[in-house]
């Protein structure tokens, strides 16, 4: 005797509820069966099952604003209190290099570098750090300090720690700040300073 003969379930209703957003586990609980039974019913009905990402997104969409706030806070608290290993930090830096997002100032700098035929790598990973732009063959790290947040004590300490590490590893670090200066002039100065380094 097949499962469909042994277990009488309203298959059309199951499909409808699943398509409306009910999870496989919730359906299993509703009809007092195992999750595998629900999965087989959905497969037999030709329903494409949601991916983990889709299921998580759907779950989040069904939460109230307060529930989302509580979950987000719990996640932040867990990450904030965790100690990340060196290998985790190195991999994170590599991930940032592979999938970087440039600020508006960094985009302007990148465009200027390209127009000046200066080949740079954005968000280049060096151990646990990322530098805004790098010319690895010259061991030249280029940092763009845009906005007032670079003046904060926390950011100054982070920048100092990064600069010290890079310097000890034989990198030359040059910084350009558009704080209280027009970005066009800062870019012009940067190109003028870096071009001779590339040509030598």
N, C-alpha and C. Protein backbone atom coordinates (compact mmCIF):
# COMPACT_ATOMS: atom_id res chain seq x y z
N UNK A 1 0.85 -1.19 0.00
CA UNK A 1 0.00 0.00 0.00
C UNK A 1 0.89 1.25 0.00
N UNK A 2 0.62 2.18 -0.91
CA UNK A 2 1.44 3.38 -1.02
C UNK A 2 1.09 4.37 0.09
N UNK A 3 2.01 5.33 0.23
CA UNK A 3 1.81 6.39 1.24
C UNK A 3 0.51 7.14 0.96
N UNK A 4 0.17 7.32 -0.32
CA UNK A 4 -1.01 8.10 -0.68
C UNK A 4 -2.30 7.36 -0.32
N UNK A 5 -2.20 6.04 -0.22
CA UNK A 5 -3.36 5.25 0.20
C UNK A 5 -3.43 5.18 1.72
N UNK A 6 -2.25 5.14 2.37
CA UNK A 6 -2.21 5.04 3.84
C UNK A 6 -2.53 6.35 4.52
N UNK A 7 -1.96 7.46 3.99
CA UNK A 7 -2.10 8.76 4.65
C UNK A 7 -2.98 9.65 3.80
N UNK A 8 -4.17 9.89 4.26
CA UNK A 8 -5.12 10.72 3.53
C UNK A 8 -4.87 12.19 3.88
N UNK A 9 -4.41 12.96 2.91
CA UNK A 9 -4.14 14.37 3.12
C UNK A 9 -4.76 15.19 1.99
N UNK A 10 -5.17 16.42 2.29
CA UNK A 10 -5.72 17.30 1.25
C UNK A 10 -4.58 17.93 0.42
N UNK A 11 -4.15 17.20 -0.59
CA UNK A 11 -2.98 17.64 -1.35
C UNK A 11 -3.12 19.03 -1.95
N UNK A 12 -4.29 19.33 -2.51
CA UNK A 12 -4.50 20.65 -3.12
C UNK A 12 -4.38 21.75 -2.07
N UNK A 13 -4.89 21.48 -0.90
CA UNK A 13 -4.80 22.47 0.18
C UNK A 13 -3.34 22.66 0.63
N UNK A 14 -2.62 21.56 0.70
CA UNK A 14 -1.20 21.63 1.08
C UNK A 14 -0.43 22.50 0.08
N UNK A 15 -0.66 22.24 -1.21
CA UNK A 15 0.00 23.02 -2.25
C UNK A 15 -0.36 24.49 -2.12
N UNK A 16 -1.65 24.77 -1.92
CA UNK A 16 -2.12 26.16 -1.82
C UNK A 16 -1.47 26.87 -0.63
N UNK A 17 -1.43 26.22 0.53
CA UNK A 17 -0.84 26.82 1.73
C UNK A 17 0.66 27.03 1.56
N UNK A 18 1.32 26.07 0.91
CA UNK A 18 2.77 26.21 0.68
C UNK A 18 3.04 27.40 -0.23
N UNK A 19 2.25 27.52 -1.29
CA UNK A 19 2.44 28.62 -2.23
C UNK A 19 2.11 29.98 -1.59
N UNK A 20 1.27 29.95 -0.58
CA UNK A 20 0.93 31.19 0.13
C UNK A 20 1.97 31.56 1.18
N UNK A 21 2.95 30.65 1.40
CA UNK A 21 4.04 31.00 2.29
C UNK A 21 4.24 30.11 3.50
N UNK A 22 3.35 29.12 3.72
CA UNK A 22 3.54 28.24 4.87
C UNK A 22 4.73 27.33 4.61
N UNK A 23 5.54 27.12 5.63
CA UNK A 23 6.75 26.30 5.47
C UNK A 23 6.40 24.82 5.47
N UNK A 24 7.35 24.01 4.99
CA UNK A 24 7.17 22.56 4.99
C UNK A 24 7.00 22.05 6.41
N UNK A 25 7.79 22.59 7.35
CA UNK A 25 7.71 22.15 8.73
C UNK A 25 6.37 22.51 9.35
N UNK A 26 5.88 23.72 9.03
CA UNK A 26 4.58 24.14 9.57
C UNK A 26 3.45 23.27 9.01
N UNK A 27 3.56 22.90 7.75
CA UNK A 27 2.56 22.02 7.15
C UNK A 27 2.61 20.64 7.79
N UNK A 28 3.81 20.14 8.04
CA UNK A 28 3.95 18.83 8.68
C UNK A 28 3.29 18.84 10.05
N UNK A 29 3.49 19.92 10.79
CA UNK A 29 2.89 20.03 12.12
C UNK A 29 1.37 20.13 12.03
N UNK A 30 0.89 20.89 11.06
CA UNK A 30 -0.56 21.08 10.89
C UNK A 30 -1.27 19.75 10.61
N UNK A 31 -0.64 18.92 9.78
CA UNK A 31 -1.29 17.66 9.38
C UNK A 31 -0.76 16.45 10.15
N UNK A 32 0.09 16.72 11.16
CA UNK A 32 0.61 15.68 12.03
C UNK A 32 1.30 14.56 11.25
N UNK A 33 2.19 14.97 10.36
CA UNK A 33 3.00 14.02 9.59
C UNK A 33 4.45 14.50 9.63
N UNK A 34 5.34 13.71 9.08
CA UNK A 34 6.73 14.14 9.01
C UNK A 34 6.91 15.13 7.86
N UNK A 35 8.00 15.88 7.93
CA UNK A 35 8.30 16.85 6.88
C UNK A 35 8.52 16.14 5.55
N UNK A 36 9.11 14.95 5.58
CA UNK A 36 9.35 14.20 4.34
C UNK A 36 8.05 13.86 3.61
N UNK A 37 7.00 13.62 4.36
CA UNK A 37 5.69 13.34 3.74
C UNK A 37 5.23 14.56 2.95
N UNK A 38 5.38 15.74 3.55
CA UNK A 38 4.97 16.99 2.89
C UNK A 38 5.83 17.22 1.65
N UNK A 39 7.13 16.99 1.79
CA UNK A 39 8.05 17.19 0.66
C UNK A 39 7.66 16.29 -0.50
N UNK A 40 7.35 15.02 -0.21
CA UNK A 40 6.97 14.10 -1.29
C UNK A 40 5.66 14.53 -1.96
N UNK A 41 4.73 15.05 -1.17
CA UNK A 41 3.46 15.52 -1.74
C UNK A 41 3.69 16.72 -2.67
N UNK A 42 4.56 17.61 -2.24
CA UNK A 42 4.87 18.79 -3.07
C UNK A 42 5.57 18.37 -4.36
N UNK A 43 6.53 17.44 -4.22
CA UNK A 43 7.24 16.96 -5.41
C UNK A 43 6.29 16.27 -6.38
N UNK A 44 5.40 15.46 -5.86
CA UNK A 44 4.44 14.73 -6.70
C UNK A 44 3.50 15.69 -7.41
N UNK A 45 3.25 16.84 -6.79
CA UNK A 45 2.36 17.85 -7.39
C UNK A 45 3.11 18.77 -8.35
N UNK A 46 4.42 18.53 -8.50
CA UNK A 46 5.21 19.34 -9.43
C UNK A 46 5.55 20.73 -8.90
N UNK A 47 5.54 20.90 -7.59
CA UNK A 47 5.82 22.20 -6.99
C UNK A 47 7.31 22.34 -6.73
N UNK A 48 7.90 23.44 -7.21
CA UNK A 48 9.32 23.69 -6.95
C UNK A 48 9.47 24.13 -5.50
N UNK A 49 10.34 23.44 -4.79
CA UNK A 49 10.55 23.77 -3.38
C UNK A 49 11.41 25.03 -3.26
N UNK A 50 11.14 25.79 -2.22
CA UNK A 50 11.92 27.01 -2.00
C UNK A 50 13.34 26.66 -1.58
N UNK A 51 14.29 27.49 -1.99
CA UNK A 51 15.67 27.34 -1.53
C UNK A 51 15.74 27.83 -0.09
N UNK A 52 16.86 27.53 0.58
CA UNK A 52 17.04 27.99 1.97
C UNK A 52 16.97 29.51 2.02
N UNK A 53 17.61 30.16 1.04
CA UNK A 53 17.62 31.63 0.99
C UNK A 53 16.21 32.16 0.83
N UNK A 54 15.43 31.56 -0.07
CA UNK A 54 14.06 32.00 -0.31
C UNK A 54 13.20 31.78 0.93
N UNK A 55 13.41 30.63 1.60
CA UNK A 55 12.64 30.32 2.80
C UNK A 55 12.94 31.31 3.92
N UNK A 56 14.22 31.64 4.08
CA UNK A 56 14.61 32.61 5.12
C UNK A 56 14.04 33.99 4.83
N UNK A 57 14.09 34.39 3.54
CA UNK A 57 13.56 35.70 3.16
C UNK A 57 12.06 35.76 3.39
N UNK A 58 11.37 34.69 3.04
CA UNK A 58 9.92 34.63 3.24
C UNK A 58 9.59 34.70 4.73
N UNK A 59 10.37 33.98 5.53
CA UNK A 59 10.16 34.00 6.98
C UNK A 59 10.34 35.41 7.55
N UNK A 60 11.39 36.09 7.11
CA UNK A 60 11.65 37.45 7.59
C UNK A 60 10.53 38.40 7.17
N UNK A 61 10.02 38.21 5.95
CA UNK A 61 8.94 39.08 5.46
C UNK A 61 7.66 38.93 6.26
N UNK A 62 7.50 37.76 6.89
CA UNK A 62 6.28 37.50 7.66
C UNK A 62 6.37 38.00 9.10
N UNK A 63 7.57 38.45 9.51
CA UNK A 63 7.76 38.92 10.88
C UNK A 63 7.32 40.38 11.01
N UNK A 64 6.95 40.74 12.22
CA UNK A 64 6.63 42.14 12.49
C UNK A 64 7.92 42.93 12.61
N UNK A 65 7.80 44.25 12.58
CA UNK A 65 8.98 45.11 12.71
C UNK A 65 9.69 44.85 14.03
N UNK A 66 8.93 44.65 15.09
CA UNK A 66 9.52 44.41 16.41
C UNK A 66 10.24 43.06 16.45
N UNK A 67 9.66 42.04 15.83
CA UNK A 67 10.31 40.73 15.78
C UNK A 67 11.62 40.80 15.00
N UNK A 68 11.62 41.54 13.89
CA UNK A 68 12.84 41.72 13.10
C UNK A 68 13.91 42.44 13.92
N UNK A 69 13.48 43.44 14.69
CA UNK A 69 14.42 44.20 15.51
C UNK A 69 15.08 43.30 16.55
N UNK A 70 14.29 42.44 17.18
CA UNK A 70 14.81 41.54 18.21
C UNK A 70 15.81 40.56 17.62
N UNK A 71 15.48 39.98 16.45
CA UNK A 71 16.37 39.02 15.80
C UNK A 71 17.66 39.70 15.36
N UNK A 72 17.54 40.89 14.77
CA UNK A 72 18.72 41.63 14.31
C UNK A 72 19.63 41.97 15.48
N UNK A 73 19.03 42.41 16.59
CA UNK A 73 19.83 42.77 17.77
C UNK A 73 20.56 41.55 18.31
N UNK A 74 19.87 40.42 18.35
CA UNK A 74 20.49 39.19 18.85
C UNK A 74 21.68 38.78 17.98
N UNK A 75 21.52 38.92 16.67
CA UNK A 75 22.62 38.59 15.75
C UNK A 75 23.80 39.52 15.95
N UNK A 76 23.52 40.81 16.09
CA UNK A 76 24.59 41.79 16.30
C UNK A 76 25.32 41.53 17.62
N UNK A 77 24.55 41.20 18.65
CA UNK A 77 25.16 40.93 19.96
C UNK A 77 26.06 39.71 19.90
N UNK A 78 25.62 38.69 19.16
CA UNK A 78 26.42 37.47 19.06
C UNK A 78 27.73 37.74 18.32
N UNK A 79 27.66 38.48 17.21
CA UNK A 79 28.86 38.79 16.44
C UNK A 79 29.79 39.70 17.23
N UNK A 80 29.19 40.70 17.91
CA UNK A 80 29.99 41.66 18.66
C UNK A 80 30.79 40.98 19.77
N UNK A 81 30.21 39.96 20.36
CA UNK A 81 30.88 39.30 21.47
C UNK A 81 31.79 38.16 21.08
N UNK A 82 31.83 37.85 19.77
CA UNK A 82 32.63 36.71 19.34
C UNK A 82 34.06 37.12 19.03
N UNK A 83 34.97 36.17 19.17
CA UNK A 83 36.38 36.40 18.84
C UNK A 83 36.66 35.70 17.52
N UNK A 84 36.99 36.48 16.50
CA UNK A 84 37.22 35.92 15.17
C UNK A 84 38.68 35.47 15.05
N UNK A 85 38.87 34.29 14.49
CA UNK A 85 40.21 33.78 14.31
C UNK A 85 40.90 34.55 13.17
N UNK A 86 42.22 34.44 13.14
CA UNK A 86 43.00 35.12 12.10
C UNK A 86 42.57 34.65 10.71
N UNK A 87 42.36 33.35 10.55
CA UNK A 87 41.97 32.83 9.23
C UNK A 87 40.61 33.35 8.80
N UNK A 88 39.70 33.53 9.74
CA UNK A 88 38.38 34.08 9.42
C UNK A 88 38.53 35.52 8.92
N UNK A 89 39.36 36.30 9.60
CA UNK A 89 39.58 37.69 9.21
C UNK A 89 40.27 37.79 7.85
N UNK A 90 41.21 36.88 7.58
CA UNK A 90 41.89 36.87 6.29
C UNK A 90 40.90 36.56 5.17
N UNK A 91 40.07 35.56 5.40
CA UNK A 91 39.06 35.19 4.40
C UNK A 91 38.05 36.30 4.19
N UNK A 92 37.70 37.01 5.26
CA UNK A 92 36.77 38.13 5.13
C UNK A 92 37.37 39.22 4.25
N UNK A 93 38.67 39.51 4.46
CA UNK A 93 39.35 40.53 3.65
C UNK A 93 39.36 40.12 2.17
N UNK A 94 39.62 38.84 1.91
CA UNK A 94 39.62 38.35 0.53
C UNK A 94 38.23 38.47 -0.08
N UNK A 95 37.21 38.19 0.72
CA UNK A 95 35.83 38.31 0.24
C UNK A 95 35.48 39.74 -0.12
N UNK A 96 35.96 40.69 0.68
CA UNK A 96 35.71 42.11 0.40
C UNK A 96 36.37 42.50 -0.92
N UNK A 97 37.58 41.99 -1.17
CA UNK A 97 38.26 42.31 -2.42
C UNK A 97 37.49 41.76 -3.61
N UNK A 98 36.95 40.56 -3.48
CA UNK A 98 36.24 39.93 -4.59
C UNK A 98 34.89 40.59 -4.88
N UNK A 99 34.24 41.06 -3.81
CA UNK A 99 32.90 41.66 -3.99
C UNK A 99 32.87 43.03 -3.33
N UNK A 100 33.69 43.92 -3.86
CA UNK A 100 33.81 45.23 -3.23
C UNK A 100 32.71 46.19 -3.69
N UNK A 101 32.45 47.18 -2.84
CA UNK A 101 31.57 48.29 -3.18
C UNK A 101 32.35 49.56 -2.91
N UNK A 102 32.51 50.38 -3.93
CA UNK A 102 33.29 51.60 -3.79
C UNK A 102 32.41 52.76 -3.37
N UNK A 103 32.98 53.64 -2.57
CA UNK A 103 32.29 54.87 -2.21
C UNK A 103 32.31 55.80 -3.42
N UNK A 104 31.56 56.87 -3.36
CA UNK A 104 31.52 57.82 -4.47
C UNK A 104 32.90 58.41 -4.74
N UNK A 105 33.67 58.65 -3.65
CA UNK A 105 35.01 59.21 -3.82
C UNK A 105 35.94 58.18 -4.44
N UNK A 106 35.84 56.93 -3.99
CA UNK A 106 36.70 55.87 -4.53
C UNK A 106 36.42 55.63 -6.01
N UNK A 107 35.15 55.76 -6.42
CA UNK A 107 34.81 55.60 -7.83
C UNK A 107 35.48 56.68 -8.67
N UNK A 108 35.50 57.90 -8.15
CA UNK A 108 36.14 59.01 -8.86
C UNK A 108 37.65 58.77 -8.98
N UNK A 109 38.25 58.27 -7.90
CA UNK A 109 39.69 57.97 -7.92
C UNK A 109 39.98 56.85 -8.92
N UNK A 110 39.17 55.80 -8.90
CA UNK A 110 39.39 54.68 -9.82
C UNK A 110 39.32 55.14 -11.26
N UNK A 111 38.34 55.97 -11.57
CA UNK A 111 38.21 56.50 -12.92
C UNK A 111 39.44 57.31 -13.30
N UNK A 112 39.93 58.13 -12.36
CA UNK A 112 41.12 58.94 -12.63
C UNK A 112 42.35 58.08 -12.84
N UNK A 113 42.50 57.02 -12.04
CA UNK A 113 43.63 56.10 -12.21
C UNK A 113 43.58 55.45 -13.59
N UNK A 114 42.39 55.02 -13.99
CA UNK A 114 42.24 54.35 -15.28
C UNK A 114 42.57 55.31 -16.42
N UNK A 115 42.12 56.55 -16.32
CA UNK A 115 42.39 57.55 -17.35
C UNK A 115 43.88 57.87 -17.44
N UNK A 116 44.58 57.75 -16.30
CA UNK A 116 46.03 58.02 -16.27
C UNK A 116 46.85 56.75 -16.55
N UNK A 117 46.16 55.66 -16.92
CA UNK A 117 46.83 54.37 -17.20
C UNK A 117 47.62 53.85 -16.00
N UNK A 118 47.08 54.09 -14.81
CA UNK A 118 47.68 53.56 -13.58
C UNK A 118 46.83 52.36 -13.15
N UNK A 119 47.42 51.19 -13.20
CA UNK A 119 46.68 49.96 -12.90
C UNK A 119 46.65 49.71 -11.39
N UNK A 120 45.47 49.77 -10.82
CA UNK A 120 45.31 49.54 -9.38
C UNK A 120 44.27 48.45 -9.14
N UNK A 121 44.34 47.83 -7.96
CA UNK A 121 43.35 46.83 -7.55
C UNK A 121 42.54 47.42 -6.40
N UNK A 122 41.23 47.62 -6.59
CA UNK A 122 40.40 48.17 -5.52
C UNK A 122 40.22 47.19 -4.37
N UNK A 123 40.17 47.72 -3.16
CA UNK A 123 39.91 46.94 -1.94
C UNK A 123 40.84 45.72 -1.84
N UNK A 124 42.10 45.93 -2.15
CA UNK A 124 43.08 44.84 -2.17
C UNK A 124 43.29 44.28 -0.76
N UNK A 125 43.26 42.96 -0.65
CA UNK A 125 43.41 42.29 0.64
C UNK A 125 44.88 42.03 0.95
N UNK A 126 45.31 42.52 2.11
CA UNK A 126 46.67 42.25 2.61
C UNK A 126 46.52 41.70 4.01
N UNK A 127 46.68 40.40 4.15
CA UNK A 127 46.43 39.72 5.41
C UNK A 127 44.99 39.99 5.85
N UNK A 128 44.78 40.59 7.03
CA UNK A 128 43.41 40.82 7.51
C UNK A 128 42.87 42.18 7.08
N UNK A 129 43.67 42.95 6.37
CA UNK A 129 43.28 44.31 6.01
C UNK A 129 42.90 44.43 4.54
N UNK A 130 42.13 45.46 4.24
CA UNK A 130 41.86 45.86 2.86
C UNK A 130 42.32 47.30 2.69
N UNK A 131 43.02 47.57 1.60
CA UNK A 131 43.39 48.95 1.29
C UNK A 131 42.52 49.41 0.12
N UNK A 132 42.22 50.70 0.09
CA UNK A 132 41.31 51.21 -0.94
C UNK A 132 41.79 50.86 -2.34
N UNK A 133 43.07 51.09 -2.60
CA UNK A 133 43.67 50.73 -3.89
C UNK A 133 45.10 50.24 -3.63
N UNK A 134 45.55 49.33 -4.48
CA UNK A 134 46.92 48.84 -4.32
C UNK A 134 47.56 48.60 -5.68
N UNK A 135 48.87 48.80 -5.71
CA UNK A 135 49.69 48.39 -6.85
C UNK A 135 50.67 47.37 -6.27
N UNK A 136 50.28 46.09 -6.25
CA UNK A 136 51.08 45.06 -5.58
C UNK A 136 52.52 44.96 -6.06
N UNK A 137 52.76 45.17 -7.36
CA UNK A 137 54.13 45.05 -7.88
C UNK A 137 55.05 46.08 -7.26
N UNK A 138 54.50 47.21 -6.80
CA UNK A 138 55.29 48.26 -6.16
C UNK A 138 55.13 48.23 -4.63
N UNK A 139 54.27 47.32 -4.16
CA UNK A 139 53.92 47.28 -2.73
C UNK A 139 53.48 48.68 -2.29
N UNK A 140 52.60 49.26 -3.10
CA UNK A 140 52.08 50.60 -2.84
C UNK A 140 50.60 50.52 -2.48
N UNK A 141 50.27 50.99 -1.29
CA UNK A 141 48.88 51.01 -0.82
C UNK A 141 48.39 52.46 -0.83
N UNK A 142 47.23 52.65 -1.42
CA UNK A 142 46.65 54.00 -1.55
C UNK A 142 45.36 54.04 -0.76
N UNK A 143 45.30 54.92 0.21
CA UNK A 143 44.12 55.05 1.06
C UNK A 143 43.43 56.39 0.81
N UNK A 144 42.11 56.34 0.68
CA UNK A 144 41.31 57.54 0.45
C UNK A 144 40.51 57.82 1.71
N UNK A 145 40.82 58.92 2.38
CA UNK A 145 40.11 59.29 3.60
C UNK A 145 39.03 60.31 3.25
N UNK A 146 37.84 59.80 3.00
CA UNK A 146 36.72 60.69 2.65
C UNK A 146 35.74 60.81 3.79
N UNK A 147 35.30 62.01 4.07
CA UNK A 147 34.31 62.22 5.12
C UNK A 147 34.92 62.41 6.48
N UNK A 148 34.10 62.94 7.40
CA UNK A 148 34.58 63.26 8.75
C UNK A 148 34.81 62.04 9.63
N UNK A 149 34.24 60.89 9.24
CA UNK A 149 34.33 59.73 10.14
C UNK A 149 35.77 59.25 10.30
N UNK A 150 36.65 59.60 9.35
CA UNK A 150 38.06 59.23 9.49
C UNK A 150 38.72 60.01 10.63
N UNK A 151 38.08 61.06 11.10
CA UNK A 151 38.63 61.86 12.19
C UNK A 151 38.26 61.31 13.56
N UNK A 152 37.38 60.30 13.59
CA UNK A 152 36.97 59.74 14.88
C UNK A 152 38.14 58.99 15.51
N UNK A 153 38.13 58.93 16.83
CA UNK A 153 39.23 58.27 17.55
C UNK A 153 39.34 56.79 17.16
N UNK A 154 38.18 56.13 17.06
CA UNK A 154 38.18 54.71 16.71
C UNK A 154 38.79 54.49 15.32
N UNK A 155 38.40 55.32 14.36
CA UNK A 155 38.90 55.15 12.99
C UNK A 155 40.38 55.49 12.91
N UNK A 156 40.81 56.51 13.67
CA UNK A 156 42.24 56.86 13.67
C UNK A 156 43.08 55.70 14.19
N UNK A 157 42.59 55.03 15.23
CA UNK A 157 43.32 53.88 15.78
C UNK A 157 43.38 52.74 14.77
N UNK A 158 42.26 52.50 14.09
CA UNK A 158 42.22 51.44 13.09
C UNK A 158 43.20 51.74 11.94
N UNK A 159 43.19 53.00 11.49
CA UNK A 159 44.08 53.41 10.40
C UNK A 159 45.55 53.30 10.81
N UNK A 160 45.84 53.68 12.05
CA UNK A 160 47.22 53.61 12.54
C UNK A 160 47.70 52.16 12.62
N UNK A 161 46.83 51.29 13.10
CA UNK A 161 47.17 49.86 13.21
C UNK A 161 47.43 49.27 11.82
N UNK A 162 46.58 49.62 10.86
CA UNK A 162 46.74 49.11 9.50
C UNK A 162 48.04 49.64 8.88
N UNK A 163 48.28 50.95 9.02
CA UNK A 163 49.48 51.56 8.44
C UNK A 163 50.74 50.95 9.02
N UNK A 164 50.76 50.74 10.35
CA UNK A 164 51.92 50.14 11.00
C UNK A 164 52.17 48.74 10.46
N UNK A 165 51.13 47.94 10.36
CA UNK A 165 51.28 46.57 9.86
C UNK A 165 51.82 46.58 8.43
N UNK A 166 51.20 47.39 7.56
CA UNK A 166 51.62 47.43 6.16
C UNK A 166 53.07 47.89 6.03
N UNK A 167 53.44 48.89 6.81
CA UNK A 167 54.81 49.41 6.76
C UNK A 167 55.81 48.33 7.17
N UNK A 168 55.47 47.59 8.21
CA UNK A 168 56.36 46.51 8.67
C UNK A 168 56.49 45.39 7.64
N UNK A 169 55.47 45.28 6.78
CA UNK A 169 55.50 44.26 5.73
C UNK A 169 56.14 44.78 4.45
N UNK A 170 56.68 46.00 4.50
CA UNK A 170 57.39 46.56 3.35
C UNK A 170 56.54 47.33 2.38
N UNK A 171 55.30 47.64 2.78
CA UNK A 171 54.42 48.42 1.91
C UNK A 171 54.61 49.91 2.17
N UNK A 172 54.49 50.69 1.10
CA UNK A 172 54.47 52.15 1.23
C UNK A 172 53.00 52.57 1.21
N UNK A 173 52.59 53.31 2.23
CA UNK A 173 51.19 53.73 2.34
C UNK A 173 51.10 55.23 2.08
N UNK A 174 50.29 55.60 1.11
CA UNK A 174 50.04 57.02 0.84
C UNK A 174 48.56 57.28 1.06
N UNK A 175 48.29 58.38 1.73
CA UNK A 175 46.90 58.74 2.06
C UNK A 175 46.53 60.06 1.40
N UNK A 176 45.28 60.10 0.93
CA UNK A 176 44.75 61.32 0.35
C UNK A 176 43.41 61.61 1.01
N UNK A 177 43.25 62.82 1.50
CA UNK A 177 42.02 63.20 2.19
C UNK A 177 41.35 64.35 1.47
N UNK A 178 40.03 64.21 1.30
CA UNK A 178 39.28 65.30 0.68
C UNK A 178 38.57 66.14 1.74
N UNK A 179 38.99 65.93 2.99
CA UNK A 179 38.39 66.70 4.08
C UNK A 179 38.79 68.17 3.93
N UNK A 180 37.78 69.02 3.75
CA UNK A 180 37.99 70.47 3.59
C UNK A 180 38.77 70.81 2.31
N UNK A 181 38.79 69.91 1.35
CA UNK A 181 39.42 70.18 0.06
C UNK A 181 38.51 69.66 -1.05
N UNK A 182 38.56 70.30 -2.20
CA UNK A 182 37.76 69.84 -3.33
C UNK A 182 38.32 68.53 -3.85
N UNK A 183 37.42 67.60 -4.12
CA UNK A 183 37.82 66.27 -4.53
C UNK A 183 38.63 66.30 -5.81
N UNK A 184 38.30 67.21 -6.72
CA UNK A 184 39.03 67.31 -7.99
C UNK A 184 40.51 67.62 -7.75
N UNK A 185 40.79 68.50 -6.80
CA UNK A 185 42.16 68.87 -6.50
C UNK A 185 42.91 67.72 -5.83
N UNK A 186 42.21 67.02 -4.94
CA UNK A 186 42.81 65.87 -4.25
C UNK A 186 43.20 64.80 -5.27
N UNK A 187 42.31 64.52 -6.21
CA UNK A 187 42.57 63.51 -7.24
C UNK A 187 43.76 63.95 -8.10
N UNK A 188 43.78 65.22 -8.47
CA UNK A 188 44.89 65.74 -9.28
C UNK A 188 46.22 65.57 -8.56
N UNK A 189 46.23 65.89 -7.26
CA UNK A 189 47.45 65.74 -6.47
C UNK A 189 47.86 64.27 -6.38
N UNK A 190 46.87 63.39 -6.22
CA UNK A 190 47.16 61.95 -6.10
C UNK A 190 47.79 61.42 -7.39
N UNK A 191 47.23 61.78 -8.51
CA UNK A 191 47.77 61.32 -9.80
C UNK A 191 49.19 61.85 -9.99
N UNK A 192 49.41 63.10 -9.62
CA UNK A 192 50.75 63.71 -9.76
C UNK A 192 51.78 63.01 -8.88
N UNK A 193 51.35 62.58 -7.69
CA UNK A 193 52.28 61.94 -6.77
C UNK A 193 52.56 60.48 -7.15
N UNK A 194 51.52 59.79 -7.63
CA UNK A 194 51.67 58.36 -7.89
C UNK A 194 52.30 58.07 -9.26
N UNK A 195 52.04 58.92 -10.24
CA UNK A 195 52.56 58.67 -11.60
C UNK A 195 54.07 58.44 -11.63
N UNK A 196 54.88 59.29 -10.97
CA UNK A 196 56.33 59.04 -10.98
C UNK A 196 56.72 57.71 -10.34
N UNK A 197 55.96 57.26 -9.33
CA UNK A 197 56.26 55.98 -8.69
C UNK A 197 56.06 54.83 -9.68
N UNK A 198 55.02 54.96 -10.50
CA UNK A 198 54.71 53.91 -11.47
C UNK A 198 55.71 53.88 -12.60
N UNK A 199 56.21 55.05 -12.98
CA UNK A 199 57.11 55.15 -14.12
C UNK A 199 58.55 54.76 -13.80
N UNK A 200 58.91 54.81 -12.51
CA UNK A 200 60.31 54.51 -12.15
C UNK A 200 60.57 53.01 -12.16
